[in-house]
Protein backbone atom coordinates (compact mmCIF):
# COMPACT_ATOMS: atom_id res chain seq x y z
CA MET A 1 7.65 0.16 13.61
CA ASN A 2 7.41 -2.69 11.32
CA TYR A 3 7.43 -6.32 12.62
CA GLU A 4 10.76 -7.09 10.45
CA TYR A 5 12.41 -4.68 12.41
CA PHE A 6 10.94 -5.54 15.76
CA ILE A 7 12.00 -9.17 15.43
CA ALA A 8 15.35 -8.38 14.10
CA LYS A 9 16.05 -5.88 16.72
CA ARG A 10 14.94 -8.16 19.31
CA ILE A 11 17.42 -11.59 18.24
CA ILE A 12 20.29 -8.90 17.96
CA GLY A 13 19.71 -8.01 21.52
CA SER A 14 19.05 -11.54 22.63
CA LYS A 15 21.61 -13.54 25.14
CA ALA A 16 21.36 -16.14 23.00
CA TYR A 17 22.54 -14.69 19.62
CA LYS A 18 25.83 -13.63 21.32
CA SER A 19 26.57 -17.01 22.39
CA SER A 20 25.09 -19.16 19.74
CA ILE A 21 27.00 -21.30 17.10
CA SER A 22 27.17 -18.30 14.96
CA ALA A 23 28.86 -15.29 16.64
CA PRO A 24 32.39 -16.55 15.67
CA ILE A 25 31.34 -16.53 12.69
CA ILE A 26 29.04 -13.00 13.02
CA LYS A 27 32.53 -11.62 14.67
CA ILE A 28 34.80 -12.33 11.77
CA GLY A 29 32.11 -10.97 9.60
CA ILE A 30 31.87 -7.96 11.39
CA ALA A 31 36.08 -7.75 11.65
CA ALA A 32 36.10 -8.46 7.95
CA ILE A 33 33.90 -4.86 7.27
CA ALA A 34 36.20 -3.46 9.53
CA ILE A 35 39.29 -4.46 8.05
CA GLY A 36 38.27 -3.83 4.79
CA ILE A 37 37.21 0.04 5.49
CA ILE A 38 40.43 0.68 7.11
CA VAL A 39 42.32 -0.86 4.05
CA MET A 40 40.19 1.20 1.85
CA MET A 41 40.23 4.12 3.57
CA ILE A 42 44.30 3.91 3.89
CA ALA A 43 44.47 3.70 0.31
CA ILE A 44 42.56 6.77 -0.39
CA ALA A 45 43.78 8.82 2.19
CA THR A 46 48.22 7.90 1.34
CA GLY A 47 47.19 7.21 -2.72
CA ILE A 48 45.45 10.61 -3.18
CA GLY A 49 48.21 12.62 -0.80
CA LEU A 50 50.75 11.32 -2.39
CA GLN A 51 49.08 12.54 -5.94
CA GLN A 52 48.60 15.83 -4.66
CA LYS A 53 51.86 16.16 -2.50
CA ILE A 54 54.31 14.80 -5.83
CA ARG A 55 51.58 17.73 -8.08
CA ASP A 56 52.11 20.53 -5.87
CA LYS A 57 55.63 20.21 -5.41
CA ALA A 58 56.38 20.18 -9.16
CA VAL A 59 53.75 22.82 -9.38
CA ALA A 60 55.83 24.92 -7.17
CA PHE A 61 58.84 25.39 -9.54
CA ASN A 62 57.22 25.36 -12.53
CA GLY A 63 53.16 26.74 -12.59
CA HIS A 64 50.71 24.27 -13.73
CA VAL A 65 51.30 25.97 -17.48
CA THR A 66 55.14 27.37 -18.56
CA ILE A 67 54.64 29.98 -21.61
CA SER A 68 58.38 30.11 -23.53
CA ASN A 69 59.52 31.05 -26.85
CA PHE A 70 58.89 28.39 -29.62
CA ASP A 71 62.06 26.86 -29.95
CA SER A 72 64.65 24.19 -30.03
CA ASN A 73 66.31 24.73 -26.60
CA ALA A 74 65.43 21.78 -24.76
CA SER A 75 67.65 22.83 -21.46
CA ASP A 76 67.10 24.05 -17.86
CA GLU A 77 68.28 27.22 -19.58
CA SER A 78 66.86 30.40 -20.33
CA LYS A 79 68.42 31.33 -23.86
CA ASN A 80 66.04 33.20 -25.94
CA PRO A 81 64.70 36.48 -24.11
CA ILE A 82 61.03 37.34 -23.54
CA SER A 83 59.69 40.77 -23.50
CA LEU A 84 57.44 41.62 -20.50
CA GLN A 85 55.43 43.26 -22.69
CA GLN A 86 52.20 41.14 -23.57
CA GLU A 87 48.42 41.62 -22.83
CA PHE A 88 48.27 38.14 -21.02
CA TYR A 89 50.52 40.04 -17.94
CA PRO A 90 50.82 40.90 -14.92
CA GLU A 91 47.15 39.71 -15.32
CA PHE A 92 46.02 36.78 -17.31
CA THR A 93 42.21 37.93 -17.92
CA SER A 94 41.51 35.89 -21.40
CA VAL A 95 41.59 32.83 -19.11
CA GLU A 96 38.50 32.56 -16.43
CA GLY A 97 40.15 30.09 -14.06
CA VAL A 98 43.67 31.27 -13.85
CA SER A 99 45.25 32.89 -10.83
CA HIS A 100 48.29 34.21 -11.29
CA ILE A 101 50.81 34.91 -13.49
CA GLN A 102 54.81 35.60 -13.07
CA ALA A 103 58.13 35.85 -14.79
CA VAL A 104 61.21 33.88 -14.16
CA ALA A 105 64.31 33.22 -16.17
CA THR A 106 67.29 30.32 -15.22
CA LYS A 107 70.76 30.13 -15.92
CA PHE A 108 73.66 27.44 -15.62
CA GLY A 109 76.31 28.23 -13.22
CA ILE A 110 79.30 26.42 -10.79
CA ILE A 111 78.96 26.91 -7.29
CA ARG A 112 82.82 26.62 -5.93
CA THR A 113 84.00 26.27 -2.14
CA GLU A 114 87.11 25.73 -1.18
CA THR A 115 86.26 21.70 -1.03
CA ASP A 116 84.62 21.25 -3.52
CA PHE A 117 81.42 22.20 -6.28
CA GLU A 118 78.36 21.94 -7.63
CA GLY A 119 77.05 22.40 -10.96
CA ILE A 120 73.69 24.14 -10.54
CA VAL A 121 70.56 25.95 -12.04
CA LEU A 122 69.78 29.78 -10.11
CA LYS A 123 66.16 30.40 -11.00
CA GLY A 124 65.75 34.37 -11.11
CA ILE A 125 62.35 35.27 -9.99
CA GLY A 126 61.24 39.04 -8.93
CA GLN A 127 58.37 40.99 -7.20
CA ASP A 128 56.05 38.93 -8.77
CA PHE A 129 56.92 35.78 -7.59
CA ASP A 130 54.11 33.52 -4.98
CA TRP A 131 55.73 32.31 -2.00
CA LYS A 132 52.27 30.66 -1.54
CA TYR A 133 53.84 26.50 -1.95
CA PHE A 134 57.63 27.47 -1.07
CA VAL A 135 55.93 28.43 2.29
CA GLU A 136 55.60 25.12 3.45
CA PHE A 137 58.98 24.07 2.23
CA LEU A 138 61.38 26.44 4.35
CA ILE A 139 62.54 24.38 7.22
CA GLU A 140 65.44 26.85 8.13
CA GLY A 141 65.59 31.14 7.60
CA ARG A 142 63.06 32.75 5.58
CA LEU A 143 62.27 33.47 2.30
CA PRO A 144 63.89 36.27 0.23
CA GLU A 145 62.44 39.43 -0.50
CA TYR A 146 62.86 41.20 -3.82
CA SER A 147 62.59 44.81 -5.12
CA GLU A 148 63.55 47.08 -7.55
CA LYS A 149 67.19 47.02 -6.67
CA ILE A 150 69.10 44.00 -7.39
CA ASN A 151 69.51 41.78 -4.45
CA ASN A 152 71.67 38.99 -3.38
CA ASP A 153 69.74 36.70 -0.98
CA ALA A 154 69.52 33.23 -1.80
CA LEU A 155 67.29 30.34 -1.13
CA ILE A 156 69.00 26.82 -1.27
CA SER A 157 67.84 23.32 -0.83
CA LYS A 158 68.64 21.28 1.97
CA TYR A 159 70.29 18.93 -0.47
CA LEU A 160 72.60 21.57 -1.15
CA ALA A 161 73.07 22.68 1.68
CA ASN A 162 74.18 19.59 3.51
CA ARG A 163 76.00 18.35 0.32
CA LEU A 164 78.71 22.42 0.54
CA ASP A 165 78.37 22.24 4.14
CA PHE A 166 76.20 25.19 4.39
CA ASN A 167 74.07 27.20 6.56
CA VAL A 168 72.12 30.16 6.81
CA GLY A 169 73.96 33.38 6.99
CA ASP A 170 76.85 31.84 4.52
CA SER A 171 77.72 32.84 1.37
CA PHE A 172 78.92 31.44 -1.99
CA GLN A 173 80.10 32.44 -5.43
CA MET A 174 78.94 31.13 -8.38
CA TYR A 175 80.67 31.16 -11.65
CA PHE A 176 78.43 31.47 -15.06
CA MET A 177 80.23 31.38 -18.37
CA ASN A 178 80.97 33.91 -20.14
CA LYS A 179 79.73 33.75 -24.41
CA ASP A 180 82.22 34.55 -25.26
CA ALA A 181 84.32 31.53 -24.38
CA SER A 182 87.71 33.80 -24.46
CA ARG A 183 87.00 35.52 -21.72
CA PRO A 184 86.54 34.13 -18.00
CA PRO A 185 83.34 33.32 -15.88
CA ARG A 186 81.40 36.01 -14.63
CA ILE A 187 81.31 35.46 -10.96
CA VAL A 188 78.46 36.62 -8.50
CA GLN A 189 77.97 36.35 -4.96
CA PHE A 190 74.88 35.04 -2.89
CA ASN A 191 74.21 35.06 0.48
CA ILE A 192 71.77 32.33 1.89
CA VAL A 193 69.04 33.63 4.01
CA GLY A 194 66.82 30.36 3.85
CA VAL A 195 67.09 26.66 3.28
CA TYR A 196 63.93 24.31 1.74
CA ASN A 197 63.29 20.99 1.47
CA SER A 198 60.42 20.03 -1.01
CA GLY A 199 61.63 16.38 -0.88
CA PHE A 200 61.84 16.49 -4.45
CA GLN A 201 65.11 15.73 -5.08
CA GLU A 202 65.13 16.15 -8.67
CA LEU A 203 63.87 19.40 -8.23
CA ASP A 204 66.00 20.27 -5.09
CA GLU A 205 69.34 19.25 -6.61
CA THR A 206 68.77 21.50 -9.94
CA TYR A 207 67.53 24.78 -8.13
CA PHE A 208 68.04 27.17 -6.26
CA LEU A 209 66.48 31.14 -6.13
CA GLY A 210 67.88 34.30 -6.33
CA ASP A 211 66.86 37.61 -7.80
CA ILE A 212 66.28 37.61 -11.40
CA LYS A 213 68.55 40.60 -12.36
CA HIS A 214 71.01 38.56 -11.86
CA VAL A 215 70.09 36.74 -15.01
CA GLN A 216 69.36 39.83 -17.03
CA ARG A 217 72.43 41.38 -16.28
CA LEU A 218 74.92 38.11 -17.03
CA ASN A 219 72.74 37.61 -20.20
CA ARG A 220 73.02 41.49 -20.96
CA TRP A 221 68.87 41.46 -20.91
CA LYS A 222 66.95 45.03 -20.57
CA GLN A 223 64.84 44.92 -17.36
CA ASP A 224 61.93 44.15 -19.53
CA GLN A 225 63.28 40.81 -20.40
CA ILE A 226 62.88 37.63 -18.89
CA GLY A 227 62.80 33.71 -19.78
CA ASN A 228 59.50 32.35 -19.37
CA PHE A 229 56.42 32.46 -17.97
CA GLU A 230 54.91 30.31 -15.27
CA VAL A 231 50.65 30.62 -14.71
CA PHE A 232 48.98 29.31 -12.14
CA ILE A 233 45.14 28.35 -12.07
CA ASP A 234 42.49 27.01 -9.70
CA ASP A 235 41.57 23.82 -10.53
CA TYR A 236 44.05 21.01 -11.04
CA ASN A 237 41.25 19.45 -12.33
CA GLN A 238 41.48 21.81 -15.54
CA LEU A 239 44.70 21.51 -16.87
CA GLU A 240 43.99 19.85 -19.77
CA VAL A 241 41.34 22.31 -20.87
CA LYS A 242 43.11 25.61 -19.28
CA GLY A 243 46.46 24.31 -21.26
CA LYS A 244 44.61 24.50 -24.61
CA GLU A 245 42.89 27.60 -23.88
CA ILE A 246 46.00 29.30 -22.51
CA TYR A 247 48.15 28.24 -25.84
CA GLN A 248 45.03 29.83 -27.80
CA LYS A 249 45.33 32.88 -25.94
CA THR A 250 49.21 33.29 -26.60
CA PRO A 251 51.08 34.79 -29.92
CA SER A 252 51.88 31.89 -32.48
CA THR A 253 55.59 32.93 -31.45
CA PHE A 254 54.99 31.04 -27.84
CA ASN A 255 54.96 27.62 -27.08
CA THR A 256 52.98 26.30 -23.60
CA GLN A 257 53.43 23.13 -21.53
CA THR A 258 51.52 21.83 -18.74
CA VAL A 259 53.30 20.85 -16.04
CA ALA A 260 52.04 16.97 -16.64
CA GLN A 261 53.65 16.76 -19.78
CA LYS A 262 56.81 18.73 -18.48
CA TYR A 263 56.84 15.54 -16.08
CA ALA A 264 54.81 13.07 -18.28
CA THR A 265 56.66 9.75 -16.35
CA ILE A 266 56.14 11.27 -13.09
CA PHE A 267 52.73 12.04 -13.68
CA GLU A 268 51.84 9.25 -15.69
CA TRP A 269 53.49 7.24 -12.46
CA ILE A 270 51.01 8.48 -10.21
CA GLY A 271 48.07 8.34 -12.38
CA ILE A 272 48.62 4.40 -11.81
CA PHE A 273 47.48 5.08 -8.02
CA ASP A 274 43.87 5.59 -8.85
CA LYS A 275 43.84 2.08 -10.53
CA ASN A 276 45.59 0.59 -7.44
CA ILE A 277 42.89 2.40 -5.05
CA TYR A 278 39.61 0.81 -7.62
CA GLY A 279 41.66 -2.67 -7.40
CA ILE A 280 41.94 -2.44 -3.30
CA ILE A 281 38.45 -1.19 -2.74
CA GLY A 282 36.81 -3.67 -4.96
CA ILE A 283 39.21 -6.89 -3.48
CA MET A 284 38.19 -5.53 0.47
CA ILE A 285 34.25 -4.78 -0.86
CA LEU A 286 34.33 -8.47 -2.04
CA VAL A 287 36.07 -10.05 0.55
CA ALA A 288 33.45 -8.00 3.22
CA GLY A 289 30.70 -9.45 1.48
CA ILE A 290 31.82 -12.87 1.18
CA ASN A 291 31.95 -13.01 4.71
CA MET A 292 29.08 -11.11 5.12
CA ILE A 293 27.20 -13.50 3.06
CA THR A 294 29.03 -16.40 5.38
CA ALA A 295 27.29 -14.97 8.38
CA LEU A 296 23.91 -14.36 7.01
CA LEU A 297 23.65 -18.22 5.51
CA VAL A 298 24.76 -19.57 8.95
CA LEU A 299 21.88 -17.26 10.81
CA ILE A 300 19.44 -18.69 8.40
CA LEU A 301 20.18 -22.30 8.67
CA GLU A 302 20.79 -21.30 12.52
CA ARG A 303 17.04 -20.42 12.58
CA THR A 304 15.28 -22.03 10.43
CA GLN A 305 12.16 -23.55 12.74
CA MET A 306 11.41 -19.64 13.40
CA ILE A 307 11.59 -19.07 9.65
CA GLY A 308 9.27 -22.21 9.68
CA ILE A 309 6.69 -20.76 11.98
CA LEU A 310 6.65 -17.20 10.76
CA LYS A 311 5.51 -18.32 7.36
CA ALA A 312 2.88 -20.98 9.11
CA LEU A 313 1.80 -17.44 11.07
CA GLY A 314 1.13 -16.20 7.66
CA SER A 315 4.66 -14.02 7.05
CA ASN A 316 5.60 -13.91 3.23
CA ASN A 317 9.16 -14.81 2.27
CA TRP A 318 10.10 -11.00 1.73
CA SER A 319 8.92 -10.41 4.98
CA ILE A 320 10.97 -12.93 6.55
CA ARG A 321 14.18 -12.20 3.68
CA LYS A 322 13.66 -8.20 5.30
CA LEU A 323 14.23 -9.52 8.93
CA PHE A 324 17.70 -10.98 8.32
CA LEU A 325 18.56 -8.08 5.61
CA TYR A 326 18.01 -6.22 9.26
CA ASN A 327 20.07 -8.39 11.18
CA ALA A 328 22.75 -8.05 8.66
CA SER A 329 22.38 -4.34 8.31
CA TYR A 330 22.93 -4.21 11.96
CA LEU A 331 26.65 -6.13 11.58
CA ILE A 332 27.70 -4.09 8.13
CA VAL A 333 26.96 -0.76 10.39
CA LEU A 334 29.06 -1.98 13.45
CA GLY A 335 31.90 -3.07 11.47
CA LEU A 336 31.65 0.39 9.50
CA PHE A 337 31.59 1.72 13.20
CA TRP A 338 35.04 0.06 14.08
CA GLY A 339 36.24 0.09 10.86
CA ASN A 340 35.58 4.12 10.35
CA LEU A 341 36.97 4.66 14.16
CA ILE A 342 40.34 2.87 13.65
CA GLY A 343 41.02 4.12 10.37
CA LEU A 344 40.39 7.85 11.09
CA ALA A 345 42.69 7.22 14.20
CA LEU A 346 45.32 5.72 12.17
CA LEU A 347 45.36 8.38 9.44
CA PHE A 348 45.64 11.43 11.93
CA ILE A 349 48.59 9.70 13.91
CA GLN A 350 50.21 9.89 10.48
CA LYS A 351 49.03 13.07 9.40
CA GLN A 352 49.89 14.60 12.90
CA PHE A 353 53.03 12.99 13.93
CA LYS A 354 54.92 11.59 10.56
CA LEU A 355 55.41 8.35 11.75
CA ILE A 356 56.05 6.43 8.72
CA PRO A 357 58.87 7.37 6.71
CA LEU A 358 59.51 7.02 2.41
CA ASP A 359 62.13 7.36 0.47
CA PRO A 360 62.21 10.93 -1.16
CA SER A 361 64.67 9.71 -4.06
CA VAL A 362 61.87 7.23 -5.10
CA TYR A 363 58.42 8.59 -3.67
CA TYR A 364 59.23 12.50 -3.83
CA VAL A 365 58.32 13.07 -0.27
CA THR A 366 59.76 12.37 2.81
CA GLU A 367 56.91 10.45 4.79
CA VAL A 368 53.22 8.74 3.68
CA PRO A 369 51.44 12.45 3.22
CA ILE A 370 47.50 11.74 4.27
CA TYR A 371 44.44 13.49 2.77
CA ILE A 372 41.81 13.28 4.42
CA ASN A 373 38.21 14.28 3.29
CA LEU A 374 34.74 14.33 4.22
CA SER A 375 32.84 13.59 1.07
CA TYR A 376 34.90 10.27 0.08
CA ILE A 377 35.00 8.45 3.74
CA ILE A 378 30.89 8.97 3.09
CA ALA A 379 30.56 7.69 -0.20
CA LEU A 380 32.73 5.11 0.86
CA ASN A 381 31.03 3.81 3.87
CA ILE A 382 27.74 4.30 1.71
CA GLY A 383 28.90 2.50 -1.30
CA THR A 384 30.29 -0.34 1.39
CA PHE A 385 27.22 -0.66 2.70
CA LEU A 386 24.72 -0.62 -0.53
CA LEU A 387 27.35 -2.75 -2.28
CA CYS A 388 27.34 -5.19 0.86
CA LEU A 389 23.62 -5.22 1.18
CA ILE A 390 23.15 -5.80 -2.39
CA MET A 391 25.60 -9.22 -2.22
CA LEU A 392 23.43 -10.37 0.47
CA LEU A 393 20.10 -10.23 -1.53
CA VAL A 394 21.52 -13.37 -3.36
CA PRO A 395 21.76 -15.46 -0.31
CA SER A 396 18.59 -14.49 1.89
CA TYR A 397 16.76 -16.06 -1.34
CA ILE A 398 17.21 -19.49 0.48
CA ILE A 399 14.79 -18.45 2.97
CA THR A 400 12.16 -19.37 -0.09
CA LYS A 401 12.73 -22.74 -0.07
CA ILE A 402 12.13 -23.48 3.58
CA THR A 403 9.00 -25.15 4.22
CA PRO A 404 6.87 -25.19 7.19
CA ILE A 405 6.25 -28.17 7.20
CA LYS A 406 10.07 -29.38 7.65
CA ALA A 407 11.11 -26.77 8.82
CA ILE A 408 9.23 -26.84 12.17
CA ARG A 409 10.72 -29.66 14.72
CA PHE A 410 8.34 -30.21 18.38
CA GLU A 411 10.71 -31.80 20.85
């Protein structure tokens, strides 16, 4: 054991240290570190959590990349059909990292009840539809199952169910305009087997899920004709790269669009969260560092006589600086301990009990989402410790200006 660490340990364990003039300032420094780590953890957990939730909800309705006809259709309704006979379907093997591809088609219609009506888009899906994302959205009933035979089962949103007073087990009629305007609209009856709530109101109020065969029949398409393909990839961080690869591997008559391009405004908005997180981390580390600098200066000034004695006994400046840096390191670790304990407790409580709600019309989620990952917690703690310690190297330089003759006072 080196003597600097030994002396620092004795100072920390002494009763005089805990009841000294510097004790309140030391406690403030520890509290600043703890509060800083709590705020930083909450900022990262909620910022990344919100980004992932919004992103996953957009992906659930559109896939990571959409393949459609290269035309001028900008509506939510599929106009010109695409043949299922493609090299990339049902397995997109030409691009590495593609986990799934599914065929869908959309058709606009009007739901009419005895007292109300609502314009909405039927999203037709088939046997190849991946329900992975919708499982967590399901709040009532079950997910529909589609086979080779046409099926009237439908999955509607909680928004639509509340608006039209629908419940699981109810049926409703939907009116679809005929291509020939002189002919009456076509009517399809759907049976509600499940209700979902994604919290993404823009999408919940636009779509309900039904059998793709209804869209094919209404549009007079063949069984191998669909509206567009939705492609899912393994790693969202590779979205832009994989989007370009998928575009290059599809025929020139097809266009591809990533989910970030389709909802550019939303994804630009959630991208700002990263800047906010970095800003909060920077401010908190700066505040914590300044408080620790103050505490260290008070410790040095309080033990000026001890510094003079150690110098008189032959200790060099760096050894004495190390002694006080050991002392400061203990205070930083203590602050990190309490900060992690309180911060993680708050995050787990919110994750488990969802105590803090959010307005889905603004934030696209119903409660504050929490993302907890051991890697960012470790990185945050190590980064905070090292940066605070580096900041303390400057004030510890004051020790070099203390001379034994002036420092030692014998009563």
